[in-house]
Amino acid sequence: MTPARPTTFEIDLDAAASNVRVVRQMVGPQRKIYAVIKADGYGHGAAEMGAAFLAHGADALGVADLGEGIRLRGRGTTAPILVYPNSLPEAAPEALAHGLTPTVVDLDGARAYAEAAREPCDVFVKIDVGLERLGVAPEGAVKLVTAMLELPHLRLAGLCAHPHAPDGGDPAYAEWQLGRFTAVVDELEARGVRVPIRLLAASPFVLRFPQTYLNAVDPGRMLYGMTFPGETAPASLRSTFHALATRVIALKEITPRERFAELAPFPVTAPMRLGIIPMGLADGLLWLHADRVLVRGRPAPIVATPSLEHTRIDLTAIPDARVGDEVVIIGRQGEAEITPAEVARRRNIGLHQVATTIGPRVTRVYRRSA
């Protein structure tokens, strides 16, 4: 079925399946894989990506938004869903009503879940081992967990952390963070408190530091084929970002103005064949282009700043271009290609920000071989 608005983000589910199998190869058959689909599956669609990851080896899902977890339940996801801390204590009843596994960072949050629970309730505790963001400091983690376990209904499902992984991946820094985490585990177990899940390694640590795998990992961007220099996997990780594309919806010939040329929306110094595409600022295009698009396998410069709904492209050098032609903003067309990495570099954004910047009005189209 052709989308009413011919602007699409094509996503490769075969790549998603392949990537989670690579993670399984790296961590072995016994460790749990929590596939991270935060930020609406890094812009790809949380429900669709979560289903693909679960079908090909993931044991559970991880989200950073309670609303996202609730929507996944509404879409029929029955697998365990770990919700990283991102809501207020008063949201506890909603989390429990939808069978989600919450993460707490302080005793007030734990009390909220204890009060909301009517039966045994599994919770994670997050430890801040180095990112200086969310989580209890390692020095206070044992005290928090033991106090939490004195509350009614609550059971410790596991400990998690989001380690700090700056560029370069300093092994000594990784070891220091691992040590802070495992020291909490060791002290709890010495006190007779079992820690079922020990979740430390996100994508940077999965790709660089196998000693941090413990008994579970929660990869995110690597499941979408995004890696940085120095990060290696035993098999190639494939990009799930297949293409961001639209169509030419109008063509017009314009010539230099005889009057008010200085007030024109963009300079016109020679006759130009102008094309219009139905994608603009409201779709995130300001951050999603490499200053050109591809039409009939050839580059066409973007003219001026995109407007809210539309963008102009210069088709002067492509005289055979027609209304309805495919316009690739990111992806391959013939022998030409514009990669997400090039767009990220030109726009000075992170690689993981490219897909998350694509607006919700852009139709997600899922591709698979079978």
Protein backbone atom coordinates (compact mmCIF):
# COMPACT_ATOMS: atom_id res chain seq x y z
CA MET A 1 0.00 0.00 0.00
CA THR A 2 1.42 3.37 -1.03
CA PRO A 3 1.57 5.89 1.83
CA ALA A 4 -0.73 8.88 1.34
CA ARG A 5 2.33 11.05 1.88
CA PRO A 6 5.19 9.57 -0.13
CA THR A 7 7.89 10.08 2.50
CA THR A 8 9.19 6.92 4.14
CA PHE A 9 11.86 5.57 6.47
CA GLU A 10 12.71 2.05 5.30
CA ILE A 11 14.00 -0.28 8.04
CA ASP A 12 15.81 -3.59 7.53
CA LEU A 13 14.43 -6.21 9.94
CA ASP A 14 16.80 -8.85 8.57
CA ALA A 15 19.66 -6.66 9.77
CA ALA A 16 18.03 -6.42 13.21
CA ALA A 17 17.77 -10.21 13.37
CA SER A 18 21.38 -10.63 12.28
CA ASN A 19 22.65 -8.12 14.84
CA VAL A 20 20.98 -9.75 17.84
CA ARG A 21 22.40 -13.09 16.71
CA VAL A 22 25.87 -11.50 16.71
CA VAL A 23 25.32 -10.34 20.28
CA ARG A 24 24.28 -13.86 21.24
CA GLN A 25 27.46 -15.18 19.64
CA MET A 26 29.49 -12.70 21.69
CA VAL A 27 27.90 -13.26 25.10
CA GLY A 28 27.13 -16.97 24.88
CA PRO A 29 23.96 -18.98 25.43
CA GLN A 30 23.63 -18.54 29.20
CA ARG A 31 23.61 -14.77 29.59
CA LYS A 32 20.39 -12.78 29.30
CA ILE A 33 20.08 -10.20 26.53
CA TYR A 34 17.94 -7.17 27.31
CA ALA A 35 17.44 -5.57 23.89
CA VAL A 36 17.19 -1.81 24.33
CA ILE A 37 14.42 -0.14 22.32
CA LYS A 38 14.39 3.22 24.08
CA ALA A 39 13.52 6.41 22.17
CA ASP A 40 10.93 4.46 20.16
CA GLY A 41 13.49 1.88 19.15
CA TYR A 42 16.08 4.56 18.33
CA GLY A 43 13.51 6.09 15.99
CA HIS A 44 12.81 2.82 14.16
CA GLY A 45 9.62 1.85 16.01
CA ALA A 46 9.80 0.16 19.41
CA ALA A 47 7.16 -2.53 18.88
CA GLU A 48 8.48 -3.70 15.53
CA MET A 49 12.13 -3.70 16.57
CA GLY A 50 11.34 -5.33 19.89
CA ALA A 51 9.46 -8.12 18.13
CA ALA A 52 12.39 -8.69 15.76
CA PHE A 53 14.93 -8.81 18.58
CA LEU A 54 12.83 -11.18 20.69
CA ALA A 55 12.20 -13.48 17.74
CA HIS A 56 15.92 -13.89 17.11
CA GLY A 57 17.48 -14.32 20.53
CA ALA A 58 16.76 -11.50 22.96
CA ASP A 59 15.31 -12.54 26.32
CA ALA A 60 13.75 -9.23 27.37
CA LEU A 61 13.38 -5.59 26.34
CA GLY A 62 14.61 -2.38 27.92
CA VAL A 63 12.88 1.00 27.64
CA ALA A 64 13.54 4.36 29.26
CA ASP A 65 9.95 5.62 29.16
CA LEU A 66 7.08 4.15 31.15
CA GLY A 67 4.65 5.21 28.43
CA GLU A 68 6.67 3.24 25.90
CA GLY A 69 6.42 0.13 28.04
CA ILE A 70 2.66 0.57 28.36
CA ARG A 71 2.31 1.00 24.58
CA LEU A 72 4.32 -2.18 24.01
CA ARG A 73 1.91 -4.10 26.23
CA GLY A 74 -0.94 -2.58 24.23
CA ARG A 75 0.69 -3.88 21.05
CA GLY A 76 0.76 -7.40 22.46
CA THR A 77 4.33 -7.69 23.75
CA THR A 78 4.35 -10.30 26.53
CA ALA A 79 8.12 -10.60 27.12
CA PRO A 80 9.70 -9.05 30.23
CA ILE A 81 10.13 -5.29 29.88
CA LEU A 82 12.63 -3.48 32.10
CA VAL A 83 11.81 0.21 32.52
CA TYR A 84 14.86 2.32 33.29
CA PRO A 85 14.21 5.21 35.71
CA ASN A 86 12.31 8.00 33.97
CA SER A 87 9.09 8.65 35.87
CA LEU A 88 7.79 10.01 39.14
CA PRO A 89 6.86 7.75 42.09
CA GLU A 90 3.14 8.34 41.54
CA ALA A 91 3.39 6.41 38.27
CA ALA A 92 4.06 3.17 40.17
CA PRO A 93 0.48 1.82 39.92
CA GLU A 94 0.52 2.18 36.12
CA ALA A 95 3.83 0.34 35.81
CA LEU A 96 2.61 -2.55 37.92
CA ALA A 97 -0.79 -2.69 36.23
CA HIS A 98 0.95 -3.38 32.92
CA GLY A 99 3.34 -6.00 34.22
CA LEU A 100 6.46 -3.88 33.75
CA THR A 101 9.67 -4.28 35.77
CA PRO A 102 10.57 -0.92 37.30
CA THR A 103 13.99 0.43 38.24
CA VAL A 104 14.37 2.45 41.43
CA VAL A 105 17.15 4.81 42.44
CA ASP A 106 16.05 5.83 45.93
CA LEU A 107 13.91 4.73 48.86
CA ASP A 108 11.02 7.08 48.00
CA GLY A 109 10.62 5.31 44.66
CA ALA A 110 10.81 1.92 46.34
CA ARG A 111 8.12 2.93 48.83
CA ALA A 112 5.83 3.99 46.00
CA TYR A 113 6.05 0.53 44.43
CA ALA A 114 5.60 -1.17 47.79
CA GLU A 115 2.43 0.82 48.40
CA ALA A 116 1.09 0.15 44.89
CA ALA A 117 1.84 -3.58 44.88
CA ARG A 118 -0.76 -6.14 45.93
CA GLU A 119 1.47 -9.15 45.32
CA PRO A 120 5.22 -9.84 45.07
CA CYS A 121 6.83 -7.25 42.79
CA ASP A 122 10.21 -7.56 41.06
CA VAL A 123 12.26 -4.37 40.89
CA PHE A 124 15.74 -3.44 39.71
CA VAL A 125 18.01 -0.97 41.49
CA LYS A 126 20.21 1.24 39.34
CA ILE A 127 23.74 2.09 40.44
CA ASP A 128 25.59 5.11 39.11
CA VAL A 129 29.08 3.75 38.52
CA GLY A 130 30.47 6.68 36.53
CA LEU A 131 27.98 8.46 34.29
CA GLU A 132 26.91 10.86 37.10
CA ARG A 133 23.30 10.81 36.04
CA LEU A 134 20.63 8.44 37.35
CA GLY A 135 21.28 5.85 40.01
CA VAL A 136 22.32 5.43 43.62
CA ALA A 137 26.02 5.88 44.37
CA PRO A 138 27.80 2.55 44.92
CA GLU A 139 28.60 3.61 48.47
CA GLY A 140 24.88 3.84 49.26
CA ALA A 141 23.59 0.97 47.15
CA VAL A 142 23.74 -1.80 49.77
CA LYS A 143 21.92 0.37 52.29
CA LEU A 144 19.20 1.17 49.72
CA VAL A 145 18.70 -2.45 48.70
CA THR A 146 18.52 -3.76 52.26
CA ALA A 147 16.06 -1.01 53.23
CA MET A 148 13.98 -1.72 50.13
CA LEU A 149 13.76 -5.41 50.96
CA GLU A 150 12.23 -4.57 54.32
CA LEU A 151 9.25 -3.05 52.51
CA PRO A 152 6.25 -5.25 51.72
CA HIS A 153 5.97 -7.06 48.38
CA LEU A 154 9.28 -5.93 46.87
CA ARG A 155 11.81 -8.44 45.51
CA LEU A 156 15.22 -7.63 44.06
CA ALA A 157 15.18 -8.74 40.43
CA GLY A 158 18.61 -7.34 39.70
CA LEU A 159 21.07 -4.49 39.67
CA CYS A 160 21.75 -2.40 36.58
CA ALA A 161 24.00 0.46 35.59
CA HIS A 162 24.74 2.61 32.57
CA PRO A 163 28.53 2.87 32.51
CA HIS A 164 30.30 5.92 31.18
CA ALA A 165 32.05 5.11 27.89
CA PRO A 166 33.80 8.17 26.47
CA ASP A 167 35.61 8.03 23.14
CA GLY A 168 38.66 5.82 23.27
CA GLY A 169 37.32 3.23 25.68
CA ASP A 170 39.97 3.45 28.42
CA PRO A 171 40.27 -0.13 29.82
CA ALA A 172 41.33 1.14 33.25
CA TYR A 173 38.23 3.34 33.45
CA ALA A 174 36.04 0.41 32.43
CA GLU A 175 37.66 -1.79 35.09
CA TRP A 176 37.10 0.87 37.74
CA GLN A 177 33.41 1.06 36.92
CA LEU A 178 33.12 -2.73 36.82
CA GLY A 179 34.78 -2.92 40.20
CA ARG A 180 32.35 -0.43 41.72
CA PHE A 181 29.44 -2.48 40.43
CA THR A 182 30.71 -5.91 41.44
CA ALA A 183 31.67 -4.64 44.90
CA VAL A 184 27.99 -3.93 45.54
CA VAL A 185 27.02 -7.38 44.26
CA ASP A 186 29.64 -9.06 46.43
CA GLU A 187 28.62 -7.21 49.58
CA LEU A 188 24.94 -7.95 49.06
CA GLU A 189 25.58 -11.62 48.50
CA ALA A 190 27.86 -11.72 51.56
CA ARG A 191 24.84 -10.49 53.52
CA GLY A 192 22.68 -13.23 52.06
CA VAL A 193 20.94 -11.04 49.45
CA ARG A 194 20.79 -12.79 46.09
CA VAL A 195 21.25 -10.63 42.98
CA PRO A 196 19.57 -12.58 40.14
CA ILE A 197 20.44 -10.24 37.25
CA ARG A 198 23.68 -8.22 37.05
CA LEU A 199 23.32 -5.83 34.14
CA LEU A 200 26.24 -3.56 33.35
CA ALA A 201 27.39 -3.91 29.73
CA ALA A 202 25.66 -1.66 27.19
CA SER A 203 26.87 -1.49 23.57
CA PRO A 204 30.27 0.18 24.19
CA PHE A 205 31.19 -2.37 26.84
CA VAL A 206 29.75 -5.33 24.91
CA LEU A 207 31.96 -4.36 21.97
CA ARG A 208 35.12 -3.62 23.94
CA PHE A 209 35.18 -5.26 27.36
CA PRO A 210 33.92 -8.86 27.57
CA GLN A 211 34.88 -9.08 31.24
CA THR A 212 31.91 -6.75 31.95
CA TYR A 213 29.27 -9.11 30.57
CA LEU A 214 28.47 -10.63 34.02
CA ASN A 215 25.23 -12.62 33.58
CA ALA A 216 23.28 -10.17 31.41
CA VAL A 217 23.86 -7.39 28.87
CA ASP A 218 21.66 -4.60 27.55
CA PRO A 219 22.91 -3.59 24.09
CA GLY A 220 21.26 -0.66 22.36
CA ARG A 221 22.76 1.06 19.33
CA MET A 222 24.79 -1.96 18.21
CA LEU A 223 21.53 -3.83 17.60
CA TYR A 224 20.80 -1.17 14.98
CA GLY A 225 24.24 -1.60 13.39
CA MET A 226 25.76 1.54 14.90
CA THR A 227 29.38 1.27 16.02
CA PHE A 228 32.20 3.72 16.64
CA PRO A 229 35.93 3.48 15.84
CA GLY A 230 37.67 0.83 17.92
CA GLU A 231 34.51 -1.19 18.49
CA THR A 232 34.61 -4.66 16.98
CA ALA A 233 32.31 -7.66 16.78
CA PRO A 234 33.11 -11.23 15.65
CA ALA A 235 30.74 -10.80 12.70
CA SER A 236 29.65 -7.74 10.79
CA LEU A 237 26.87 -5.67 12.33
CA ARG A 238 24.43 -4.47 9.67
CA SER A 239 22.70 -1.12 9.61
CA THR A 240 18.95 -1.33 10.16
CA PHE A 241 18.67 2.10 8.49
CA HIS A 242 17.90 1.17 4.89
CA ALA A 243 16.69 4.46 3.40
CA LEU A 244 14.99 7.77 4.05
CA ALA A 245 13.22 8.64 0.82
CA THR A 246 10.44 10.69 -0.70
CA ARG A 247 9.19 11.72 -4.18
CA VAL A 248 9.26 14.77 -6.40
CA ILE A 249 5.77 16.28 -6.17
CA ALA A 250 6.30 19.37 -8.37
CA LEU A 251 8.68 20.77 -10.98
CA LYS A 252 9.05 24.31 -12.21
CA GLU A 253 11.43 26.37 -14.30
CA ILE A 254 12.61 29.59 -12.72
CA THR A 255 14.78 32.40 -14.05
CA PRO A 256 16.67 35.27 -12.43
CA ARG A 257 14.38 38.05 -11.25
CA GLU A 258 14.46 41.43 -12.95
CA ARG A 259 13.12 43.14 -9.82
CA PHE A 260 13.58 42.51 -6.10
CA ALA A 261 16.22 39.89 -6.74
CA GLU A 262 17.81 40.75 -3.42
CA LEU A 263 14.57 39.75 -1.67
CA ALA A 264 14.25 36.36 -3.35
CA PRO A 265 14.11 33.39 -0.94
CA PHE A 266 17.37 32.13 -2.45
CA PRO A 267 19.81 33.43 -5.07
CA VAL A 268 18.97 32.64 -8.69
CA THR A 269 21.73 33.69 -11.08
CA ALA A 270 20.87 31.40 -14.01
CA PRO A 271 17.82 29.46 -15.20
CA MET A 272 17.05 26.65 -12.77
CA ARG A 273 14.89 23.56 -12.84
CA LEU A 274 13.43 23.40 -9.36
CA GLY A 275 11.89 20.33 -7.72
CA ILE A 276 9.78 20.21 -4.58
CA ILE A 277 9.71 17.31 -2.12
CA PRO A 278 7.12 16.77 0.65
CA MET A 279 9.45 16.73 3.64
CA GLY A 280 10.58 19.63 5.76
CA LEU A 281 11.45 21.01 9.15
CA ALA A 282 8.47 19.33 10.82
CA ASP A 283 9.96 15.97 9.82
CA GLY A 284 13.44 16.75 11.13
CA LEU A 285 14.96 17.40 7.71
CA LEU A 286 17.06 20.32 8.95
CA TRP A 287 19.28 17.72 10.68
CA LEU A 288 18.81 14.89 8.20
CA HIS A 289 20.49 15.88 4.96
CA ALA A 290 23.97 16.00 3.46
CA ASP A 291 23.26 19.21 1.48
CA ARG A 292 22.16 17.08 -1.45
CA VAL A 293 19.73 14.29 -2.32
CA LEU A 294 19.81 11.57 -4.97
CA VAL A 295 17.49 11.58 -7.99
CA ARG A 296 17.92 9.04 -10.79
CA GLY A 297 21.23 8.06 -9.22
CA ARG A 298 22.63 11.58 -9.43
CA PRO A 299 23.16 14.26 -6.77
CA ALA A 300 20.74 17.17 -6.59
CA PRO A 301 21.66 20.06 -4.28
CA ILE A 302 19.20 21.19 -1.62
CA VAL A 303 18.23 24.80 -2.27
CA ALA A 304 17.88 27.12 0.73
CA THR A 305 16.66 26.05 4.17
CA PRO A 306 13.83 23.51 4.25
CA SER A 307 10.43 24.98 5.06
CA LEU A 308 8.01 23.43 7.53
CA GLU A 309 6.45 20.97 5.06
CA HIS A 310 8.54 21.14 1.87
CA THR A 311 12.08 21.37 0.59
CA ARG A 312 13.43 22.68 -2.73
CA ILE A 313 16.00 20.73 -4.76
CA ASP A 314 17.97 21.85 -7.80
CA LEU A 315 17.26 19.47 -10.70
CA THR A 316 18.96 21.57 -13.38
CA ALA A 317 21.67 18.94 -13.90
CA ILE A 318 19.06 16.15 -14.09
CA PRO A 319 16.90 17.23 -17.05
CA ASP A 320 15.15 13.85 -17.26
CA ALA A 321 13.79 14.10 -13.69
CA ARG A 322 10.01 13.85 -13.52
CA VAL A 323 7.21 14.30 -10.99
CA GLY A 324 6.96 11.06 -9.03
CA ASP A 325 10.68 10.26 -9.17
CA GLU A 326 12.16 8.76 -6.03
CA VAL A 327 14.32 11.13 -4.00
CA VAL A 328 16.76 9.48 -1.61
CA ILE A 329 17.75 11.66 1.32
CA ILE A 330 19.73 8.94 3.09
CA GLY A 331 20.48 5.61 1.43
CA ARG A 332 21.60 4.14 -1.86
CA GLN A 333 20.26 4.86 -5.33
CA GLY A 334 22.05 3.12 -8.17
CA GLU A 335 25.79 3.50 -7.59
CA ALA A 336 25.39 6.63 -5.46
CA GLU A 337 24.94 6.62 -1.69
CA ILE A 338 24.43 9.03 1.19
CA THR A 339 25.09 7.27 4.48
CA PRO A 340 23.74 8.05 7.96
CA ALA A 341 27.37 8.52 9.04
CA GLU A 342 27.90 11.26 6.43
CA VAL A 343 24.75 13.05 7.55
CA ALA A 344 25.79 12.81 11.20
CA ARG A 345 29.20 14.23 10.35
CA ARG A 346 27.85 17.10 8.25
CA ARG A 347 25.18 18.04 10.78
CA ASN A 348 27.51 17.53 13.77
CA ILE A 349 25.20 15.11 15.55
CA GLY A 350 25.69 11.62 16.93
CA LEU A 351 25.11 8.66 14.62
CA HIS A 352 22.34 7.43 16.92
CA GLN A 353 20.61 10.80 16.58
CA VAL A 354 19.97 10.44 12.85
CA ALA A 355 17.06 7.99 13.03
CA THR A 356 15.71 9.45 16.28
CA THR A 357 15.42 12.82 14.54
CA ILE A 358 13.07 11.48 11.85
CA GLY A 359 9.63 12.82 12.74
CA PRO A 360 6.63 10.61 13.53
CA ARG A 361 4.77 11.67 10.37
CA VAL A 362 7.34 9.86 8.25
CA THR A 363 5.93 6.40 7.56
CA ARG A 364 8.09 3.53 8.83
CA VAL A 365 8.30 0.73 6.27
CA TYR A 366 9.72 -2.61 7.41
CA ARG A 367 11.67 -4.77 4.97
CA ARG A 368 12.49 -8.46 5.33
CA SER A 369 13.54 -11.22 2.97
CA ALA A 370 10.69 -13.60 3.82
